[in-house]
């Protein structure tokens, strides 16, 4: 039930892994993309083997009205290409308001503004 979460950007890919039950995710690494797209995908696919993950969860930055913009098309294309190198399930997670929710949780926990900027 372990999952690997991917926050796909044009320059970097944020990677988090879940606990074995797939309940709690923790940051794993920030992967800097190279010019060799297939090599990047192979490295990410190999991580599923290493971590014994059964699925990838990829953030999908939908527009606030739920429509899909240009960035969503790029991420879906990334996922299609990743599926060439892994048999793991790939699911998408709506990212709308995820940054707002995270900031709110940090504020409620009492974290100072200077520290929140670093997160």
PDB file of N, CA and C in Angstrom:
ATOM      1  N   UNK A   1       0.805  -1.202   0.000  1.00  0.00           N
ATOM      2  CA  UNK A   1       0.000   0.000   0.000  1.00  0.00           C
ATOM      3  C   UNK A   1       0.853   1.273   0.000  1.00  0.00           C
ATOM      4  N   UNK A   2       2.172   1.127  -0.016  1.00  0.00           N
ATOM      5  CA  UNK A   2       3.046   2.307  -0.028  1.00  0.00           C
ATOM      6  C   UNK A   2       2.873   3.041  -1.352  1.00  0.00           C
ATOM      7  N   UNK A   3       2.861   4.370  -1.269  1.00  0.00           N
ATOM      8  CA  UNK A   3       2.686   5.215  -2.446  1.00  0.00           C
ATOM      9  C   UNK A   3       3.890   6.143  -2.595  1.00  0.00           C
ATOM     10  N   UNK A   4       4.123   6.556  -3.821  1.00  0.00           N
ATOM     11  CA  UNK A   4       5.111   7.590  -4.110  1.00  0.00           C
ATOM     12  C   UNK A   4       4.341   8.748  -4.729  1.00  0.00           C
ATOM     13  N   UNK A   5       4.448   9.913  -4.102  1.00  0.00           N
ATOM     14  CA  UNK A   5       3.764  11.103  -4.603  1.00  0.00           C
ATOM     15  C   UNK A   5       4.746  11.948  -5.398  1.00  0.00           C
ATOM     16  N   UNK A   6       4.266  12.464  -6.515  1.00  0.00           N
ATOM     17  CA  UNK A   6       5.101  13.293  -7.385  1.00  0.00           C
ATOM     18  C   UNK A   6       4.446  14.647  -7.599  1.00  0.00           C
ATOM     19  N   UNK A   7       5.215  15.698  -7.399  1.00  0.00           N
ATOM     20  CA  UNK A   7       4.785  17.056  -7.708  1.00  0.00           C
ATOM     21  C   UNK A   7       5.645  17.477  -8.890  1.00  0.00           C
ATOM     22  N   UNK A   8       5.098  17.324 -10.076  1.00  0.00           N
ATOM     23  CA  UNK A   8       5.865  17.469 -11.312  1.00  0.00           C
ATOM     24  C   UNK A   8       5.949  18.929 -11.744  1.00  0.00           C
ATOM     25  N   UNK A   9       7.175  19.413 -11.854  1.00  0.00           N
ATOM     26  CA  UNK A   9       7.429  20.751 -12.368  1.00  0.00           C
ATOM     27  C   UNK A   9       8.290  20.662 -13.610  1.00  0.00           C
ATOM     28  N   UNK A  10       8.513  21.789 -14.244  1.00  0.00           N
ATOM     29  CA  UNK A  10       9.309  21.773 -15.469  1.00  0.00           C
ATOM     30  C   UNK A  10      10.797  21.626 -15.183  1.00  0.00           C
ATOM     31  N   UNK A  11      11.245  22.071 -14.006  1.00  0.00           N
ATOM     32  CA  UNK A  11      12.659  21.998 -13.647  1.00  0.00           C
ATOM     33  C   UNK A  11      12.915  20.916 -12.601  1.00  0.00           C
ATOM     34  N   UNK A  12      12.000  20.795 -11.652  1.00  0.00           N
ATOM     35  CA  UNK A  12      12.165  19.832 -10.552  1.00  0.00           C
ATOM     36  C   UNK A  12      10.911  18.996 -10.365  1.00  0.00           C
ATOM     37  N   UNK A  13      11.111  17.857  -9.722  1.00  0.00           N
ATOM     38  CA  UNK A  13      10.001  16.986  -9.346  1.00  0.00           C
ATOM     39  C   UNK A  13      10.129  16.720  -7.850  1.00  0.00           C
ATOM     40  N   UNK A  14       9.130  17.151  -7.108  1.00  0.00           N
ATOM     41  CA  UNK A  14       9.109  16.865  -5.679  1.00  0.00           C
ATOM     42  C   UNK A  14       8.632  15.440  -5.473  1.00  0.00           C
ATOM     43  N   UNK A  15       9.340  14.695  -4.643  1.00  0.00           N
ATOM     44  CA  UNK A  15       9.005  13.292  -4.410  1.00  0.00           C
ATOM     45  C   UNK A  15       8.770  13.073  -2.922  1.00  0.00           C
ATOM     46  N   UNK A  16       7.657  12.432  -2.615  1.00  0.00           N
ATOM     47  CA  UNK A  16       7.347  12.042  -1.237  1.00  0.00           C
ATOM     48  C   UNK A  16       6.990  10.565  -1.252  1.00  0.00           C
ATOM     49  N   UNK A  17       7.245   9.896  -0.142  1.00  0.00           N
ATOM     50  CA  UNK A  17       6.875   8.485  -0.016  1.00  0.00           C
ATOM     51  C   UNK A  17       5.972   8.333   1.193  1.00  0.00           C
ATOM     52  N   UNK A  18       5.090   7.371   1.104  1.00  0.00           N
ATOM     53  CA  UNK A  18       4.180   7.138   2.222  1.00  0.00           C
ATOM     54  C   UNK A  18       4.725   6.050   3.130  1.00  0.00           C
ATOM     55  N   UNK A  19       4.092   5.932   4.273  1.00  0.00           N
ATOM     56  CA  UNK A  19       4.389   4.816   5.161  1.00  0.00           C
ATOM     57  C   UNK A  19       3.852   3.543   4.503  1.00  0.00           C
ATOM     58  N   UNK A  20       4.186   2.374   5.021  1.00  0.00           N
ATOM     59  CA  UNK A  20       3.741   1.124   4.393  1.00  0.00           C
ATOM     60  C   UNK A  20       2.220   0.987   4.260  1.00  0.00           C
ATOM     61  N   UNK A  21       1.466   1.657   5.130  1.00  0.00           N
ATOM     62  CA  UNK A  21       0.002   1.587   5.056  1.00  0.00           C
ATOM     63  C   UNK A  21      -0.577   2.589   4.057  1.00  0.00           C
ATOM     64  N   UNK A  22       0.267   3.483   3.543  1.00  0.00           N
ATOM     65  CA  UNK A  22      -0.199   4.469   2.575  1.00  0.00           C
ATOM     66  C   UNK A  22      -0.996   5.595   3.204  1.00  0.00           C
ATOM     67  N   UNK A  23      -0.751   5.871   4.492  1.00  0.00           N
ATOM     68  CA  UNK A  23      -1.539   6.875   5.207  1.00  0.00           C
ATOM     69  C   UNK A  23      -0.792   8.204   5.338  1.00  0.00           C
ATOM     70  N   UNK A  24       0.464   8.148   5.758  1.00  0.00           N
ATOM     71  CA  UNK A  24       1.239   9.362   6.015  1.00  0.00           C
ATOM     72  C   UNK A  24       2.363   9.478   4.992  1.00  0.00           C
ATOM     73  N   UNK A  25       2.464  10.646   4.372  1.00  0.00           N
ATOM     74  CA  UNK A  25       3.532  10.883   3.395  1.00  0.00           C
ATOM     75  C   UNK A  25       4.591  11.791   3.996  1.00  0.00           C
ATOM     76  N   UNK A  26       5.828  11.530   3.626  1.00  0.00           N
ATOM     77  CA  UNK A  26       6.955  12.358   4.059  1.00  0.00           C
ATOM     78  C   UNK A  26       7.792  12.712   2.840  1.00  0.00           C
ATOM     79  N   UNK A  27       8.329  13.925   2.845  1.00  0.00           N
ATOM     80  CA  UNK A  27       9.184  14.344   1.748  1.00  0.00           C
ATOM     81  C   UNK A  27      10.367  13.400   1.606  1.00  0.00           C
ATOM     82  N   UNK A  28      10.684  13.043   0.387  1.00  0.00           N
ATOM     83  CA  UNK A  28      11.796  12.131   0.136  1.00  0.00           C
ATOM     84  C   UNK A  28      12.965  12.886  -0.503  1.00  0.00           C
ATOM     85  N   UNK A  29      12.701  13.521  -1.641  1.00  0.00           N
ATOM     86  CA  UNK A  29      13.749  14.304  -2.299  1.00  0.00           C
ATOM     87  C   UNK A  29      13.137  15.226  -3.334  1.00  0.00           C
ATOM     88  N   UNK A  30      13.921  16.210  -3.730  1.00  0.00           N
ATOM     89  CA  UNK A  30      13.559  17.054  -4.858  1.00  0.00           C
ATOM     90  C   UNK A  30      14.500  16.665  -5.984  1.00  0.00           C
ATOM     91  N   UNK A  31      13.923  16.116  -7.023  1.00  0.00           N
ATOM     92  CA  UNK A  31      14.682  15.596  -8.154  1.00  0.00           C
ATOM     93  C   UNK A  31      14.802  16.691  -9.209  1.00  0.00           C
ATOM     94  N   UNK A  32      16.024  17.032  -9.579  1.00  0.00           N
ATOM     95  CA  UNK A  32      16.251  18.022 -10.629  1.00  0.00           C
ATOM     96  C   UNK A  32      16.237  17.291 -11.961  1.00  0.00           C
ATOM     97  N   UNK A  33      15.330  17.716 -12.823  1.00  0.00           N
ATOM     98  CA  UNK A  33      15.186  17.063 -14.118  1.00  0.00           C
ATOM     99  C   UNK A  33      16.407  17.335 -14.992  1.00  0.00           C
ATOM    100  N   UNK A  34      16.714  16.352 -15.838  1.00  0.00           N
ATOM    101  CA  UNK A  34      17.829  16.492 -16.769  1.00  0.00           C
ATOM    102  C   UNK A  34      17.280  16.631 -18.180  1.00  0.00           C
ATOM    103  N   UNK A  35      18.178  16.699 -19.133  1.00  0.00           N
ATOM    104  CA  UNK A  35      17.751  16.776 -20.532  1.00  0.00           C
ATOM    105  C   UNK A  35      17.377  15.408 -21.087  1.00  0.00           C
ATOM    106  N   UNK A  36      17.690  14.356 -20.340  1.00  0.00           N
ATOM    107  CA  UNK A  36      17.381  12.988 -20.763  1.00  0.00           C
ATOM    108  C   UNK A  36      16.078  12.542 -20.095  1.00  0.00           C
ATOM    109  N   UNK A  37      14.965  12.852 -20.747  1.00  0.00           N
ATOM    110  CA  UNK A  37      13.628  12.597 -20.205  1.00  0.00           C
ATOM    111  C   UNK A  37      13.437  11.132 -19.834  1.00  0.00           C
ATOM    112  N   UNK A  38      13.832  10.219 -20.720  1.00  0.00           N
ATOM    113  CA  UNK A  38      13.661   8.791 -20.441  1.00  0.00           C
ATOM    114  C   UNK A  38      14.478   8.346 -19.228  1.00  0.00           C
ATOM    115  N   UNK A  39      15.689   8.869 -19.093  1.00  0.00           N
ATOM    116  CA  UNK A  39      16.518   8.514 -17.930  1.00  0.00           C
ATOM    117  C   UNK A  39      15.863   8.998 -16.639  1.00  0.00           C
ATOM    118  N   UNK A  40      15.266  10.183 -16.684  1.00  0.00           N
ATOM    119  CA  UNK A  40      14.551  10.699 -15.510  1.00  0.00           C
ATOM    120  C   UNK A  40      13.395   9.774 -15.146  1.00  0.00           C
ATOM    121  N   UNK A  41      12.641   9.366 -16.147  1.00  0.00           N
ATOM    122  CA  UNK A  41      11.495   8.482 -15.905  1.00  0.00           C
ATOM    123  C   UNK A  41      11.940   7.128 -15.363  1.00  0.00           C
ATOM    124  N   UNK A  42      13.039   6.614 -15.898  1.00  0.00           N
ATOM    125  CA  UNK A  42      13.560   5.326 -15.416  1.00  0.00           C
ATOM    126  C   UNK A  42      13.975   5.423 -13.952  1.00  0.00           C
ATOM    127  N   UNK A  43      14.592   6.543 -13.586  1.00  0.00           N
ATOM    128  CA  UNK A  43      15.014   6.725 -12.196  1.00  0.00           C
ATOM    129  C   UNK A  43      13.799   6.766 -11.268  1.00  0.00           C
ATOM    130  N   UNK A  44      12.768   7.470 -11.673  1.00  0.00           N
ATOM    131  CA  UNK A  44      11.560   7.557 -10.851  1.00  0.00           C
ATOM    132  C   UNK A  44      10.870   6.199 -10.778  1.00  0.00           C
ATOM    133  N   UNK A  45      10.808   5.492 -11.898  1.00  0.00           N
ATOM    134  CA  UNK A  45      10.200   4.157 -11.903  1.00  0.00           C
ATOM    135  C   UNK A  45      10.981   3.203 -11.006  1.00  0.00           C
ATOM    136  N   UNK A  46      12.304   3.305 -11.025  1.00  0.00           N
ATOM    137  CA  UNK A  46      13.139   2.436 -10.189  1.00  0.00           C
ATOM    138  C   UNK A  46      12.907   2.697  -8.708  1.00  0.00           C
ATOM    139  N   UNK A  47      12.550   3.918  -8.375  1.00  0.00           N
ATOM    140  CA  UNK A  47      12.270   4.256  -6.984  1.00  0.00           C
ATOM    141  C   UNK A  47      11.090   3.438  -6.446  1.00  0.00           C
ATOM    142  N   UNK A  48      10.123   3.153  -7.303  1.00  0.00           N
ATOM    143  CA  UNK A  48       8.978   2.330  -6.885  1.00  0.00           C
ATOM    144  C   UNK A  48       9.439   0.936  -6.496  1.00  0.00           C
ATOM    145  N   UNK A  49      10.418   0.423  -7.222  1.00  0.00           N
ATOM    146  CA  UNK A  49      10.978  -0.889  -6.884  1.00  0.00           C
ATOM    147  C   UNK A  49      11.710  -0.817  -5.544  1.00  0.00           C
ATOM    148  N   UNK A  50      12.578   0.176  -5.414  1.00  0.00           N
ATOM    149  CA  UNK A  50      13.378   0.330  -4.198  1.00  0.00           C
ATOM    150  C   UNK A  50      12.512   0.496  -2.959  1.00  0.00           C
ATOM    151  N   UNK A  51      11.487   1.319  -3.073  1.00  0.00           N
ATOM    152  CA  UNK A  51      10.612   1.613  -1.928  1.00  0.00           C
ATOM    153  C   UNK A  51       9.450   0.627  -1.802  1.00  0.00           C
ATOM    154  N   UNK A  52       9.370  -0.320  -2.723  1.00  0.00           N
ATOM    155  CA  UNK A  52       8.291  -1.309  -2.742  1.00  0.00           C
ATOM    156  C   UNK A  52       6.920  -0.634  -2.750  1.00  0.00           C
ATOM    157  N   UNK A  53       6.800   0.382  -3.596  1.00  0.00           N
ATOM    158  CA  UNK A  53       5.544   1.119  -3.723  1.00  0.00           C
ATOM    159  C   UNK A  53       4.647   0.439  -4.740  1.00  0.00           C
ATOM    160  N   UNK A  54       3.355   0.501  -4.487  1.00  0.00           N
ATOM    161  CA  UNK A  54       2.421  -0.112  -5.427  1.00  0.00           C
ATOM    162  C   UNK A  54       1.749   0.901  -6.347  1.00  0.00           C
ATOM    163  N   UNK A  55       1.978   2.208  -6.098  1.00  0.00           N
ATOM    164  CA  UNK A  55       1.335   3.219  -6.936  1.00  0.00           C
ATOM    165  C   UNK A  55       2.070   4.548  -6.862  1.00  0.00           C
ATOM    166  N   UNK A  56       1.864   5.338  -7.900  1.00  0.00           N
ATOM    167  CA  UNK A  56       2.317   6.725  -7.935  1.00  0.00           C
ATOM    168  C   UNK A  56       1.084   7.612  -7.812  1.00  0.00           C
ATOM    169  N   UNK A  57       1.194   8.661  -7.031  1.00  0.00           N
ATOM    170  CA  UNK A  57       0.143   9.675  -6.928  1.00  0.00           C
ATOM    171  C   UNK A  57       0.754  10.960  -7.470  1.00  0.00           C
ATOM    172  N   UNK A  58       0.149  11.484  -8.524  1.00  0.00           N
ATOM    173  CA  UNK A  58       0.696  12.665  -9.183  1.00  0.00           C
ATOM    174  C   UNK A  58      -0.270  13.827  -9.005  1.00  0.00           C
ATOM    175  N   UNK A  59       0.273  14.946  -8.509  1.00  0.00           N
ATOM    176  CA  UNK A  59      -0.546  16.137  -8.303  1.00  0.00           C
ATOM    177  C   UNK A  59      -1.008  16.726  -9.618  1.00  0.00           C
ATOM    178  N   UNK A  60      -2.282  17.095  -9.655  1.00  0.00           N
ATOM    179  CA  UNK A  60      -2.891  17.652 -10.856  1.00  0.00           C
ATOM    180  C   UNK A  60      -3.381  19.071 -10.547  1.00  0.00           C
ATOM    181  N   UNK A  61      -2.721  20.095 -11.106  1.00  0.00           N
ATOM    182  CA  UNK A  61      -3.081  21.483 -10.797  1.00  0.00           C
ATOM    183  C   UNK A  61      -4.276  21.976 -11.621  1.00  0.00           C
ATOM    184  N   UNK A  62      -5.445  21.506 -11.246  1.00  0.00           N
ATOM    185  CA  UNK A  62      -6.655  21.923 -11.949  1.00  0.00           C
ATOM    186  C   UNK A  62      -6.924  23.403 -11.711  1.00  0.00           C
ATOM    187  N   UNK A  63      -7.626  24.029 -12.649  1.00  0.00           N
ATOM    188  CA  UNK A  63      -8.068  25.402 -12.448  1.00  0.00           C
ATOM    189  C   UNK A  63      -9.118  25.411 -11.340  1.00  0.00           C
ATOM    190  N   UNK A  64      -9.349  26.562 -10.740  1.00  0.00           N
ATOM    191  CA  UNK A  64     -10.291  26.645  -9.627  1.00  0.00           C
ATOM    192  C   UNK A  64     -11.697  26.193 -10.006  1.00  0.00           C
ATOM    193  N   UNK A  65     -12.065  26.321 -11.278  1.00  0.00           N
ATOM    194  CA  UNK A  65     -13.393  25.875 -11.707  1.00  0.00           C
ATOM    195  C   UNK A  65     -13.409  24.396 -12.100  1.00  0.00           C
ATOM    196  N   UNK A  66     -12.286  23.709 -11.889  1.00  0.00           N
ATOM    197  CA  UNK A  66     -12.214  22.278 -12.168  1.00  0.00           C
ATOM    198  C   UNK A  66     -11.784  21.920 -13.574  1.00  0.00           C
ATOM    199  N   UNK A  67     -11.588  22.911 -14.428  1.00  0.00           N
ATOM    200  CA  UNK A  67     -11.163  22.630 -15.793  1.00  0.00           C
ATOM    201  C   UNK A  67      -9.663  22.354 -15.822  1.00  0.00           C
ATOM    202  N   UNK A  68      -9.254  21.735 -16.906  1.00  0.00           N
ATOM    203  CA  UNK A  68      -7.846  21.389 -17.072  1.00  0.00           C
ATOM    204  C   UNK A  68      -7.168  22.384 -18.001  1.00  0.00           C
ATOM    205  N   UNK A  69      -6.068  22.941 -17.537  1.00  0.00           N
ATOM    206  CA  UNK A  69      -5.298  23.882 -18.337  1.00  0.00           C
ATOM    207  C   UNK A  69      -4.115  23.206 -19.002  1.00  0.00           C
ATOM    208  N   UNK A  70      -3.245  24.027 -19.559  1.00  0.00           N
ATOM    209  CA  UNK A  70      -2.071  23.541 -20.286  1.00  0.00           C
ATOM    210  C   UNK A  70      -1.144  22.709 -19.399  1.00  0.00           C
ATOM    211  N   UNK A  71      -0.949  23.137 -18.169  1.00  0.00           N
ATOM    212  CA  UNK A  71      -0.053  22.419 -17.249  1.00  0.00           C
ATOM    213  C   UNK A  71      -0.577  21.011 -16.968  1.00  0.00           C
ATOM    214  N   UNK A  72      -1.890  20.854 -16.868  1.00  0.00           N
ATOM    215  CA  UNK A  72      -2.474  19.534 -16.622  1.00  0.00           C
ATOM    216  C   UNK A  72      -2.164  18.602 -17.788  1.00  0.00           C
ATOM    217  N   UNK A  73      -2.248  19.113 -19.001  1.00  0.00           N
ATOM    218  CA  UNK A  73      -1.938  18.297 -20.181  1.00  0.00           C
ATOM    219  C   UNK A  73      -0.487  17.820 -20.131  1.00  0.00           C
ATOM    220  N   UNK A  74       0.424  18.693 -19.703  1.00  0.00           N
ATOM    221  CA  UNK A  74       1.834  18.313 -19.590  1.00  0.00           C
ATOM    222  C   UNK A  74       2.022  17.214 -18.542  1.00  0.00           C
ATOM    223  N   UNK A  75       1.315  17.321 -17.437  1.00  0.00           N
ATOM    224  CA  UNK A  75       1.450  16.330 -16.370  1.00  0.00           C
ATOM    225  C   UNK A  75       0.839  14.997 -16.791  1.00  0.00           C
ATOM    226  N   UNK A  76      -0.273  15.038 -17.484  1.00  0.00           N
ATOM    227  CA  UNK A  76      -0.860  13.782 -17.986  1.00  0.00           C
ATOM    228  C   UNK A  76       0.087  13.116 -18.988  1.00  0.00           C
ATOM    229  N   UNK A  77       0.746  13.924 -19.813  1.00  0.00           N
ATOM    230  CA  UNK A  77       1.727  13.399 -20.764  1.00  0.00           C
ATOM    231  C   UNK A  77       2.901  12.767 -20.011  1.00  0.00           C
ATOM    232  N   UNK A  78       3.354  13.428 -18.948  1.00  0.00           N
ATOM    233  CA  UNK A  78       4.417  12.881 -18.103  1.00  0.00           C
ATOM    234  C   UNK A  78       3.995  11.513 -17.560  1.00  0.00           C
ATOM    235  N   UNK A  79       2.777  11.423 -17.049  1.00  0.00           N
ATOM    236  CA  UNK A  79       2.276  10.159 -16.484  1.00  0.00           C
ATOM    237  C   UNK A  79       2.197   9.069 -17.549  1.00  0.00           C
ATOM    238  N   UNK A  80       1.735   9.426 -18.742  1.00  0.00           N
ATOM    239  CA  UNK A  80       1.679   8.442 -19.836  1.00  0.00           C
ATOM    240  C   UNK A  80       3.077   7.912 -20.144  1.00  0.00           C
ATOM    241  N   UNK A  81       4.048   8.803 -20.162  1.00  0.00           N
ATOM    242  CA  UNK A  81       5.424   8.380 -20.429  1.00  0.00           C
ATOM    243  C   UNK A  81       5.989   7.553 -19.284  1.00  0.00           C
ATOM    244  N   UNK A  82       5.676   7.912 -18.042  1.00  0.00           N
ATOM    245  CA  UNK A  82       6.133   7.134 -16.891  1.00  0.00           C
ATOM    246  C   UNK A  82       5.594   5.708 -16.967  1.00  0.00           C
ATOM    247  N   UNK A  83       4.382   5.556 -17.448  1.00  0.00           N
ATOM    248  CA  UNK A  83       3.772   4.220 -17.532  1.00  0.00           C
ATOM    249  C   UNK A  83       4.518   3.302 -18.501  1.00  0.00           C
ATOM    250  N   UNK A  84       5.361   3.857 -19.366  1.00  0.00           N
ATOM    251  CA  UNK A  84       6.187   3.021 -20.252  1.00  0.00           C
ATOM    252  C   UNK A  84       7.281   2.296 -19.483  1.00  0.00           C
ATOM    253  N   UNK A  85       7.630   2.805 -18.291  1.00  0.00           N
ATOM    254  CA  UNK A  85       8.744   2.259 -17.525  1.00  0.00           C
ATOM    255  C   UNK A  85       8.331   1.565 -16.232  1.00  0.00           C
ATOM    256  N   UNK A  86       7.051   1.541 -15.940  1.00  0.00           N
ATOM    257  CA  UNK A  86       6.592   0.902 -14.709  1.00  0.00           C
ATOM    258  C   UNK A  86       5.216   0.290 -14.912  1.00  0.00           C
ATOM    259  N   UNK A  87       4.957  -0.763 -14.159  1.00  0.00           N
ATOM    260  CA  UNK A  87       3.623  -1.357 -14.185  1.00  0.00           C
ATOM    261  C   UNK A  87       2.806  -0.903 -12.976  1.00  0.00           C
ATOM    262  N   UNK A  88       3.371   0.009 -12.177  1.00  0.00           N
ATOM    263  CA  UNK A  88       2.666   0.517 -11.002  1.00  0.00           C
ATOM    264  C   UNK A  88       1.469   1.359 -11.436  1.00  0.00           C
ATOM    265  N   UNK A  89       0.449   1.338 -10.624  1.00  0.00           N
ATOM    266  CA  UNK A  89      -0.738   2.149 -10.876  1.00  0.00           C
ATOM    267  C   UNK A  89      -0.355   3.627 -10.755  1.00  0.00           C
ATOM    268  N   UNK A  90      -0.940   4.466 -11.599  1.00  0.00           N
ATOM    269  CA  UNK A  90      -0.722   5.910 -11.541  1.00  0.00           C
ATOM    270  C   UNK A  90      -2.079   6.567 -11.340  1.00  0.00           C
ATOM    271  N   UNK A  91      -2.197   7.321 -10.255  1.00  0.00           N
ATOM    272  CA  UNK A  91      -3.442   8.038  -9.967  1.00  0.00           C
ATOM    273  C   UNK A  91      -3.129   9.524  -9.831  1.00  0.00           C
ATOM    274  N   UNK A  92      -4.149  10.332 -10.041  1.00  0.00           N
ATOM    275  CA  UNK A  92      -3.982  11.779  -9.957  1.00  0.00           C
ATOM    276  C   UNK A  92      -4.702  12.314  -8.726  1.00  0.00           C
ATOM    277  N   UNK A  93      -4.124  13.365  -8.143  1.00  0.00           N
ATOM    278  CA  UNK A  93      -4.708  14.014  -6.973  1.00  0.00           C
ATOM    279  C   UNK A  93      -4.904  15.493  -7.281  1.00  0.00           C
ATOM    280  N   UNK A  94      -6.121  15.967  -7.114  1.00  0.00           N
ATOM    281  CA  UNK A  94      -6.449  17.376  -7.313  1.00  0.00           C
ATOM    282  C   UNK A  94      -5.630  18.228  -6.341  1.00  0.00           C
ATOM    283  N   UNK A  95      -4.883  19.173  -6.874  1.00  0.00           N
ATOM    284  CA  UNK A  95      -4.026  20.027  -6.044  1.00  0.00           C
ATOM    285  C   UNK A  95      -4.652  21.380  -5.713  1.00  0.00           C
ATOM    286  N   UNK A  96      -5.867  21.622  -6.167  1.00  0.00           N
ATOM    287  CA  UNK A  96      -6.471  22.931  -5.890  1.00  0.00           C
ATOM    288  C   UNK A  96      -6.472  23.216  -4.396  1.00  0.00           C
ATOM    289  N   UNK A  97      -6.022  24.386  -4.060  1.00  0.00           N
ATOM    290  CA  UNK A  97      -5.987  24.893  -2.679  1.00  0.00           C
ATOM    291  C   UNK A  97      -5.051  24.137  -1.747  1.00  0.00           C
ATOM    292  N   UNK A  98      -4.207  23.247  -2.273  1.00  0.00           N
ATOM    293  CA  UNK A  98      -3.305  22.501  -1.387  1.00  0.00           C
ATOM    294  C   UNK A  98      -2.295  23.428  -0.708  1.00  0.00           C
ATOM    295  N   UNK A  99      -1.812  24.441  -1.410  1.00  0.00           N
ATOM    296  CA  UNK A  99      -0.873  25.385  -0.807  1.00  0.00           C
ATOM    297  C   UNK A  99      -1.567  26.209   0.272  1.00  0.00           C
ATOM    298  N   UNK A 100      -2.792  26.625   0.005  1.00  0.00           N
ATOM    299  CA  UNK A 100      -3.556  27.400   0.987  1.00  0.00           C
ATOM    300  C   UNK A 100      -3.788  26.566   2.240  1.00  0.00           C
ATOM    301  N   UNK A 101      -4.163  25.311   2.067  1.00  0.00           N
ATOM    302  CA  UNK A 101      -4.400  24.425   3.215  1.00  0.00           C
ATOM    303  C   UNK A 101      -3.129  24.219   4.028  1.00  0.00           C
ATOM    304  N   UNK A 102      -2.014  24.033   3.348  1.00  0.00           N
ATOM    305  CA  UNK A 102      -0.743  23.825   4.048  1.00  0.00           C
ATOM    306  C   UNK A 102      -0.349  25.073   4.833  1.00  0.00           C
ATOM    307  N   UNK A 103      -0.496  26.236   4.220  1.00  0.00           N
ATOM    308  CA  UNK A 103      -0.168  27.481   4.914  1.00  0.00           C
ATOM    309  C   UNK A 103      -1.055  27.679   6.143  1.00  0.00           C
ATOM    310  N   UNK A 104      -2.331  27.379   6.003  1.00  0.00           N
ATOM    311  CA  UNK A 104      -3.263  27.519   7.130  1.00  0.00           C
ATOM    312  C   UNK A 104      -2.856  26.602   8.284  1.00  0.00           C
ATOM    313  N   UNK A 105      -2.475  25.379   7.966  1.00  0.00           N
ATOM    314  CA  UNK A 105      -2.058  24.432   9.006  1.00  0.00           C
ATOM    315  C   UNK A 105      -0.798  24.923   9.713  1.00  0.00           C
ATOM    316  N   UNK A 106       0.134  25.504   8.955  1.00  0.00           N
ATOM    317  CA  UNK A 106       1.360  26.024   9.559  1.00  0.00           C
ATOM    318  C   UNK A 106       1.066  27.216  10.470  1.00  0.00           C
ATOM    319  N   UNK A 107       0.157  28.072  10.044  1.00  0.00           N
ATOM    320  CA  UNK A 107      -0.226  29.224  10.865  1.00  0.00           C
ATOM    321  C   UNK A 107      -0.874  28.748  12.161  1.00  0.00           C
ATOM    322  N   UNK A 108      -1.799  27.783  12.040  1.00  0.00           N
ATOM    323  CA  UNK A 108      -2.493  27.263  13.219  1.00  0.00           C
ATOM    324  C   UNK A 108      -1.543  26.561  14.181  1.00  0.00           C
ATOM    325  N   UNK A 109      -0.444  26.040  13.653  1.00  0.00           N
ATOM    326  CA  UNK A 109       0.524  25.371  14.524  1.00  0.00           C
ATOM    327  C   UNK A 109       1.437  26.368  15.237  1.00  0.00           C
ATOM    328  N   UNK A 110       1.307  27.657  14.870  1.00  0.00           N
ATOM    329  CA  UNK A 110       2.098  28.691  15.521  1.00  0.00           C
ATOM    330  C   UNK A 110       3.427  28.983  14.854  1.00  0.00           C
ATOM    331  N   UNK A 111       3.656  28.450  13.672  1.00  0.00           N
ATOM    332  CA  UNK A 111       4.925  28.685  12.985  1.00  0.00           C
ATOM    333  C   UNK A 111       5.013  30.152  12.554  1.00  0.00           C
ATOM    334  N   UNK A 112       6.149  30.756  12.809  1.00  0.00           N
ATOM    335  CA  UNK A 112       6.365  32.158  12.459  1.00  0.00           C
ATOM    336  C   UNK A 112       6.484  32.319  10.942  1.00  0.00           C
ATOM    337  N   UNK A 113       6.144  33.505  10.479  1.00  0.00           N
ATOM    338  CA  UNK A 113       6.136  33.811   9.046  1.00  0.00           C
ATOM    339  C   UNK A 113       7.480  33.514   8.381  1.00  0.00           C
ATOM    340  N   UNK A 114       8.583  33.856   9.034  1.00  0.00           N
ATOM    341  CA  UNK A 114       9.911  33.632   8.458  1.00  0.00           C
ATOM    342  C   UNK A 114      10.153  32.150   8.189  1.00  0.00           C
ATOM    343  N   UNK A 115       9.720  31.307   9.113  1.00  0.00           N
ATOM    344  CA  UNK A 115       9.903  29.865   8.939  1.00  0.00           C
ATOM    345  C   UNK A 115       8.947  29.312   7.889  1.00  0.00           C
ATOM    346  N   UNK A 116       7.725  29.866   7.819  1.00  0.00           N
ATOM    347  CA  UNK A 116       6.750  29.394   6.822  1.00  0.00           C
ATOM    348  C   UNK A 116       7.268  29.644   5.415  1.00  0.00           C
ATOM    349  N   UNK A 117       7.986  30.734   5.213  1.00  0.00           N
ATOM    350  CA  UNK A 117       8.514  31.054   3.884  1.00  0.00           C
ATOM    351  C   UNK A 117       9.505  30.001   3.406  1.00  0.00           C
ATOM    352  N   UNK A 118      10.175  29.338   4.340  1.00  0.00           N
ATOM    353  CA  UNK A 118      11.182  28.335   3.995  1.00  0.00           C
ATOM    354  C   UNK A 118      10.574  26.983   3.670  1.00  0.00           C
ATOM    355  N   UNK A 119       9.321  26.796   4.042  1.00  0.00           N
ATOM    356  CA  UNK A 119       8.677  25.488   3.845  1.00  0.00           C
ATOM    357  C   UNK A 119       8.265  25.306   2.414  1.00  0.00           C
TER     358      UNK A 119
END
